[in-house]
Amino acid sequence: MSGRDGDGDGDERGERPRLSWSELDRRRDKPRSATPERRPRGAAAEARSRSATQSYLKKLDSQLFGKGGQGGRDGGAAKLAAAVRDALGTAALADACRAYLAQCGPPRDAALLAAFLDARDRDVQLAALGALEEEMRADRIAPSAGLRSQLRVLAEGSDDELAERAENLLSPR
């Protein structure tokens, strides 16, 4: 028997069957995934899955981007900040910024400050410049290239008070 288990026809050697070149190509071209995607079965399971995903994302968002420890801000401030971010590029930006100012005071976050500087409302821009000056003086914010660009635009504007305050922030300390 020449050391093989089986009857010698070559199929029972304990080896896996050989694949044709076309089958090898087909397998190579298929996307490889460790496990197939598992989908919830049924409408109730789909709803539970969606709810759990949203809950997880909200928790993660609050942990990563929450503003806890800044003057007692609560979830209302987070909603107002989200409203400001959603209003970027729209006519409602100034209204969203004024609502944020009324409830929470000037923002301390660089991204929100940049949004406030984009608003076409002088009082909102002045509040943002004041907060930015305070944050820069305390070394809590270093203006990014985008923020410096916004300050340059304000410095070249026709409003003297806004221009002067923006120029002061742009000057090296």
C-alpha atoms as a PDB file:
ATOM      1  CA  MET A   1       0.000   0.000   0.000  1.00  0.00           C
ATOM      2  CA  SER A   2       2.908   2.374  -0.103  1.00  0.00           C
ATOM      3  CA  GLY A   3       2.172   4.179   3.176  1.00  0.00           C
ATOM      4  CA  ARG A   4      -1.256   5.592   2.338  1.00  0.00           C
ATOM      5  CA  ASP A   5      -4.482   5.126   4.224  1.00  0.00           C
ATOM      6  CA  GLY A   6      -7.197   4.244   1.764  1.00  0.00           C
ATOM      7  CA  ASP A   7      -7.548   2.306  -1.431  1.00  0.00           C
ATOM      8  CA  GLY A   8      -4.957   4.174  -3.448  1.00  0.00           C
ATOM      9  CA  ASP A   9      -7.199   6.225  -5.724  1.00  0.00           C
ATOM     10  CA  GLY A  10      -5.754   9.504  -4.420  1.00  0.00           C
ATOM     11  CA  ASP A  11      -8.928  10.992  -2.928  1.00  0.00           C
ATOM     12  CA  GLU A  12      -8.566   9.536   0.551  1.00  0.00           C
ATOM     13  CA  ARG A  13      -5.061  10.782   1.395  1.00  0.00           C
ATOM     14  CA  GLY A  14      -6.093  12.994   4.302  1.00  0.00           C
ATOM     15  CA  GLU A  15      -5.353  16.052   2.199  1.00  0.00           C
ATOM     16  CA  ARG A  16      -7.892  18.650   1.290  1.00  0.00           C
ATOM     17  CA  PRO A  17      -9.206  18.545  -2.272  1.00  0.00           C
ATOM     18  CA  ARG A  18      -7.313  20.554  -4.838  1.00  0.00           C
ATOM     19  CA  LEU A  19      -9.115  23.563  -6.262  1.00  0.00           C
ATOM     20  CA  SER A  20      -9.108  24.646  -9.855  1.00  0.00           C
ATOM     21  CA  TRP A  21      -7.462  27.913 -10.818  1.00  0.00           C
ATOM     22  CA  SER A  22     -10.832  29.502 -11.512  1.00  0.00           C
ATOM     23  CA  GLU A  23     -12.079  28.529  -8.033  1.00  0.00           C
ATOM     24  CA  LEU A  24      -8.916  29.960  -6.456  1.00  0.00           C
ATOM     25  CA  ASP A  25      -9.433  33.208  -8.383  1.00  0.00           C
ATOM     26  CA  ARG A  26     -13.083  33.370  -7.303  1.00  0.00           C
ATOM     27  CA  ARG A  27     -12.136  32.911  -3.648  1.00  0.00           C
ATOM     28  CA  ARG A  28      -9.359  35.466  -3.907  1.00  0.00           C
ATOM     29  CA  ASP A  29     -11.710  38.071  -5.385  1.00  0.00           C
ATOM     30  CA  LYS A  30     -14.353  37.657  -2.664  1.00  0.00           C
ATOM     31  CA  PRO A  31     -14.158  40.172   0.176  1.00  0.00           C
ATOM     32  CA  ARG A  32     -12.719  38.633   3.276  1.00  0.00           C
ATOM     33  CA  SER A  33     -14.539  39.161   6.520  1.00  0.00           C
ATOM     34  CA  ALA A  34     -13.792  37.442   9.760  1.00  0.00           C
ATOM     35  CA  THR A  35     -17.459  36.941  10.542  1.00  0.00           C
ATOM     36  CA  PRO A  36     -20.507  37.672   8.497  1.00  0.00           C
ATOM     37  CA  GLU A  37     -22.417  40.770   9.558  1.00  0.00           C
ATOM     38  CA  ARG A  38     -25.010  39.877  12.146  1.00  0.00           C
ATOM     39  CA  ARG A  39     -28.291  41.692  11.748  1.00  0.00           C
ATOM     40  CA  PRO A  40     -31.034  41.780  14.360  1.00  0.00           C
ATOM     41  CA  ARG A  41     -33.955  39.535  13.555  1.00  0.00           C
ATOM     42  CA  GLY A  42     -37.366  41.110  13.608  1.00  0.00           C
ATOM     43  CA  ALA A  43     -38.654  44.634  14.009  1.00  0.00           C
ATOM     44  CA  ALA A  44     -38.431  44.662  17.812  1.00  0.00           C
ATOM     45  CA  ALA A  45     -34.823  43.509  17.800  1.00  0.00           C
ATOM     46  CA  GLU A  46     -33.999  46.104  15.131  1.00  0.00           C
ATOM     47  CA  ALA A  47     -35.575  48.848  17.271  1.00  0.00           C
ATOM     48  CA  ARG A  48     -33.677  47.697  20.387  1.00  0.00           C
ATOM     49  CA  SER A  49     -30.452  47.617  18.409  1.00  0.00           C
ATOM     50  CA  ARG A  50     -31.020  51.109  17.013  1.00  0.00           C
ATOM     51  CA  SER A  51     -31.892  52.439  20.483  1.00  0.00           C
ATOM     52  CA  ALA A  52     -28.797  50.860  22.035  1.00  0.00           C
ATOM     53  CA  THR A  53     -26.615  52.306  19.277  1.00  0.00           C
ATOM     54  CA  GLN A  54     -28.036  55.812  19.743  1.00  0.00           C
ATOM     55  CA  SER A  55     -27.617  55.576  23.513  1.00  0.00           C
ATOM     56  CA  TYR A  56     -24.013  54.453  23.122  1.00  0.00           C
ATOM     57  CA  LEU A  57     -23.234  57.236  20.645  1.00  0.00           C
ATOM     58  CA  LYS A  58     -24.779  59.909  22.916  1.00  0.00           C
ATOM     59  CA  LYS A  59     -22.790  58.634  25.890  1.00  0.00           C
ATOM     60  CA  LEU A  60     -19.591  58.554  23.846  1.00  0.00           C
ATOM     61  CA  ASP A  61     -20.263  62.034  22.456  1.00  0.00           C
ATOM     62  CA  SER A  62     -20.796  63.473  25.935  1.00  0.00           C
ATOM     63  CA  GLN A  63     -17.617  61.821  27.211  1.00  0.00           C
ATOM     64  CA  LEU A  64     -15.489  63.006  24.312  1.00  0.00           C
ATOM     65  CA  PHE A  65     -16.987  66.418  23.654  1.00  0.00           C
ATOM     66  CA  GLY A  66     -18.833  67.261  26.881  1.00  0.00           C
ATOM     67  CA  LYS A  67     -18.085  70.559  28.541  1.00  0.00           C
ATOM     68  CA  GLY A  68     -18.338  69.450  32.149  1.00  0.00           C
ATOM     69  CA  GLY A  69     -16.636  71.537  34.803  1.00  0.00           C
ATOM     70  CA  GLN A  70     -17.012  74.879  33.053  1.00  0.00           C
ATOM     71  CA  GLY A  71     -19.116  77.136  35.192  1.00  0.00           C
ATOM     72  CA  GLY A  72     -21.806  74.574  36.017  1.00  0.00           C
ATOM     73  CA  ARG A  73     -22.967  74.018  32.462  1.00  0.00           C
ATOM     74  CA  ASP A  74     -25.546  71.311  32.072  1.00  0.00           C
ATOM     75  CA  GLY A  75     -27.188  69.350  29.304  1.00  0.00           C
ATOM     76  CA  GLY A  76     -29.021  72.510  28.189  1.00  0.00           C
ATOM     77  CA  ALA A  77     -25.685  74.052  27.253  1.00  0.00           C
ATOM     78  CA  ALA A  78     -24.832  70.982  25.199  1.00  0.00           C
ATOM     79  CA  LYS A  79     -28.141  71.289  23.350  1.00  0.00           C
ATOM     80  CA  LEU A  80     -27.544  74.982  22.705  1.00  0.00           C
ATOM     81  CA  ALA A  81     -23.994  74.282  21.509  1.00  0.00           C
ATOM     82  CA  ALA A  82     -25.360  71.639  19.161  1.00  0.00           C
ATOM     83  CA  ALA A  83     -27.922  74.163  17.904  1.00  0.00           C
ATOM     84  CA  VAL A  84     -25.099  76.640  17.196  1.00  0.00           C
ATOM     85  CA  ARG A  85     -23.144  73.976  15.305  1.00  0.00           C
ATOM     86  CA  ASP A  86     -26.249  72.981  13.342  1.00  0.00           C
ATOM     87  CA  ALA A  87     -26.920  76.616  12.426  1.00  0.00           C
ATOM     88  CA  LEU A  88     -23.445  77.185  10.958  1.00  0.00           C
ATOM     89  CA  GLY A  89     -23.721  78.641   7.490  1.00  0.00           C
ATOM     90  CA  THR A  90     -27.361  79.633   7.899  1.00  0.00           C
ATOM     91  CA  ALA A  91     -29.168  82.851   8.748  1.00  0.00           C
ATOM     92  CA  ALA A  92     -30.195  81.303  12.087  1.00  0.00           C
ATOM     93  CA  LEU A  93     -26.607  81.304  13.399  1.00  0.00           C
ATOM     94  CA  ALA A  94     -26.869  84.695  15.112  1.00  0.00           C
ATOM     95  CA  ASP A  95     -30.107  83.672  16.846  1.00  0.00           C
ATOM     96  CA  ALA A  96     -28.580  80.399  18.046  1.00  0.00           C
ATOM     97  CA  CYS A  97     -25.513  82.264  19.338  1.00  0.00           C
ATOM     98  CA  ARG A  98     -27.669  84.823  21.165  1.00  0.00           C
ATOM     99  CA  ALA A  99     -29.652  82.010  22.809  1.00  0.00           C
ATOM    100  CA  TYR A 100     -26.395  80.363  23.909  1.00  0.00           C
ATOM    101  CA  LEU A 101     -25.088  83.669  25.289  1.00  0.00           C
ATOM    102  CA  ALA A 102     -28.303  84.334  27.193  1.00  0.00           C
ATOM    103  CA  GLN A 103     -28.288  80.967  28.952  1.00  0.00           C
ATOM    104  CA  CYS A 104     -24.616  80.050  29.249  1.00  0.00           C
ATOM    105  CA  GLY A 105     -22.550  83.173  28.689  1.00  0.00           C
ATOM    106  CA  PRO A 106     -19.721  83.323  26.175  1.00  0.00           C
ATOM    107  CA  PRO A 107     -18.288  79.978  25.056  1.00  0.00           C
ATOM    108  CA  ARG A 108     -14.885  78.754  26.170  1.00  0.00           C
ATOM    109  CA  ASP A 109     -14.458  76.191  23.418  1.00  0.00           C
ATOM    110  CA  ALA A 110     -12.379  77.196  20.365  1.00  0.00           C
ATOM    111  CA  ALA A 111     -14.822  75.656  17.881  1.00  0.00           C
ATOM    112  CA  LEU A 112     -17.788  77.464  19.411  1.00  0.00           C
ATOM    113  CA  LEU A 113     -15.827  80.703  19.555  1.00  0.00           C
ATOM    114  CA  ALA A 114     -15.105  80.348  15.852  1.00  0.00           C
ATOM    115  CA  ALA A 115     -18.820  79.812  15.199  1.00  0.00           C
ATOM    116  CA  PHE A 116     -19.621  82.952  17.216  1.00  0.00           C
ATOM    117  CA  LEU A 117     -17.123  84.927  15.137  1.00  0.00           C
ATOM    118  CA  ASP A 118     -18.902  83.699  11.984  1.00  0.00           C
ATOM    119  CA  ALA A 119     -22.210  85.139  13.186  1.00  0.00           C
ATOM    120  CA  ARG A 120     -23.075  88.440  11.536  1.00  0.00           C
ATOM    121  CA  ASP A 121     -24.132  90.005  14.821  1.00  0.00           C
ATOM    122  CA  ARG A 122     -21.832  92.604  16.352  1.00  0.00           C
ATOM    123  CA  ASP A 123     -22.756  91.829  19.987  1.00  0.00           C
ATOM    124  CA  VAL A 124     -22.165  88.103  19.453  1.00  0.00           C
ATOM    125  CA  GLN A 125     -18.797  88.786  17.824  1.00  0.00           C
ATOM    126  CA  LEU A 126     -17.766  91.175  20.627  1.00  0.00           C
ATOM    127  CA  ALA A 127     -18.683  88.564  23.245  1.00  0.00           C
ATOM    128  CA  ALA A 128     -16.653  85.953  21.375  1.00  0.00           C
ATOM    129  CA  LEU A 129     -13.643  88.280  21.085  1.00  0.00           C
ATOM    130  CA  GLY A 130     -13.821  89.026  24.820  1.00  0.00           C
ATOM    131  CA  ALA A 131     -13.974  85.325  25.696  1.00  0.00           C
ATOM    132  CA  LEU A 132     -11.181  84.518  23.257  1.00  0.00           C
ATOM    133  CA  GLU A 133      -8.994  87.235  24.760  1.00  0.00           C
ATOM    134  CA  GLU A 134      -9.627  85.883  28.255  1.00  0.00           C
ATOM    135  CA  GLU A 135      -8.890  82.289  27.202  1.00  0.00           C
ATOM    136  CA  MET A 136      -5.704  83.308  25.380  1.00  0.00           C
ATOM    137  CA  ARG A 137      -4.515  85.362  28.340  1.00  0.00           C
ATOM    138  CA  ALA A 138      -4.995  82.313  30.592  1.00  0.00           C
ATOM    139  CA  ASP A 139      -3.201  80.102  27.996  1.00  0.00           C
ATOM    140  CA  ARG A 140      -6.222  77.813  27.650  1.00  0.00           C
ATOM    141  CA  ILE A 141      -6.583  78.433  23.918  1.00  0.00           C
ATOM    142  CA  ALA A 142      -3.952  78.827  21.247  1.00  0.00           C
ATOM    143  CA  PRO A 143      -5.633  80.208  18.139  1.00  0.00           C
ATOM    144  CA  SER A 144      -5.580  77.807  15.222  1.00  0.00           C
ATOM    145  CA  ALA A 145      -4.887  78.887  11.657  1.00  0.00           C
ATOM    146  CA  GLY A 146      -8.624  79.042  10.979  1.00  0.00           C
ATOM    147  CA  LEU A 147      -9.272  81.195  14.044  1.00  0.00           C
ATOM    148  CA  ARG A 148      -6.414  83.535  13.095  1.00  0.00           C
ATOM    149  CA  SER A 149      -7.908  83.808   9.603  1.00  0.00           C
ATOM    150  CA  GLN A 150     -11.266  84.795  11.089  1.00  0.00           C
ATOM    151  CA  LEU A 151      -9.526  87.385  13.252  1.00  0.00           C
ATOM    152  CA  ARG A 152      -7.763  88.836  10.190  1.00  0.00           C
ATOM    153  CA  VAL A 153     -11.095  89.168   8.382  1.00  0.00           C
ATOM    154  CA  LEU A 154     -12.565  90.985  11.392  1.00  0.00           C
ATOM    155  CA  ALA A 155      -9.437  93.167  11.674  1.00  0.00           C
ATOM    156  CA  GLU A 156      -9.934  94.335   8.088  1.00  0.00           C
ATOM    157  CA  GLY A 157     -13.636  95.047   8.598  1.00  0.00           C
ATOM    158  CA  SER A 158     -15.332  98.422   8.788  1.00  0.00           C
ATOM    159  CA  ASP A 159     -16.326  98.179  12.477  1.00  0.00           C
ATOM    160  CA  ASP A 160     -13.498  99.927  14.334  1.00  0.00           C
ATOM    161  CA  GLU A 161     -14.100  98.298  17.721  1.00  0.00           C
ATOM    162  CA  LEU A 162     -14.224  94.785  16.267  1.00  0.00           C
ATOM    163  CA  ALA A 163     -11.182  95.504  14.097  1.00  0.00           C
ATOM    164  CA  GLU A 164      -9.137  96.844  17.024  1.00  0.00           C
ATOM    165  CA  ARG A 165      -9.964  93.930  19.307  1.00  0.00           C
ATOM    166  CA  ALA A 166      -9.182  91.425  16.531  1.00  0.00           C
ATOM    167  CA  GLU A 167      -5.865  93.139  15.789  1.00  0.00           C
ATOM    168  CA  ASN A 168      -4.952  93.015  19.483  1.00  0.00           C
ATOM    169  CA  LEU A 169      -5.574  89.283  19.509  1.00  0.00           C
ATOM    170  CA  LEU A 170      -3.474  88.795  16.385  1.00  0.00           C
ATOM    171  CA  SER A 171      -0.473  90.723  17.714  1.00  0.00           C
ATOM    172  CA  PRO A 172       2.222  88.543  19.285  1.00  0.00           C
ATOM    173  CA  ARG A 173       2.450  88.739  23.042  1.00  0.00           C
END
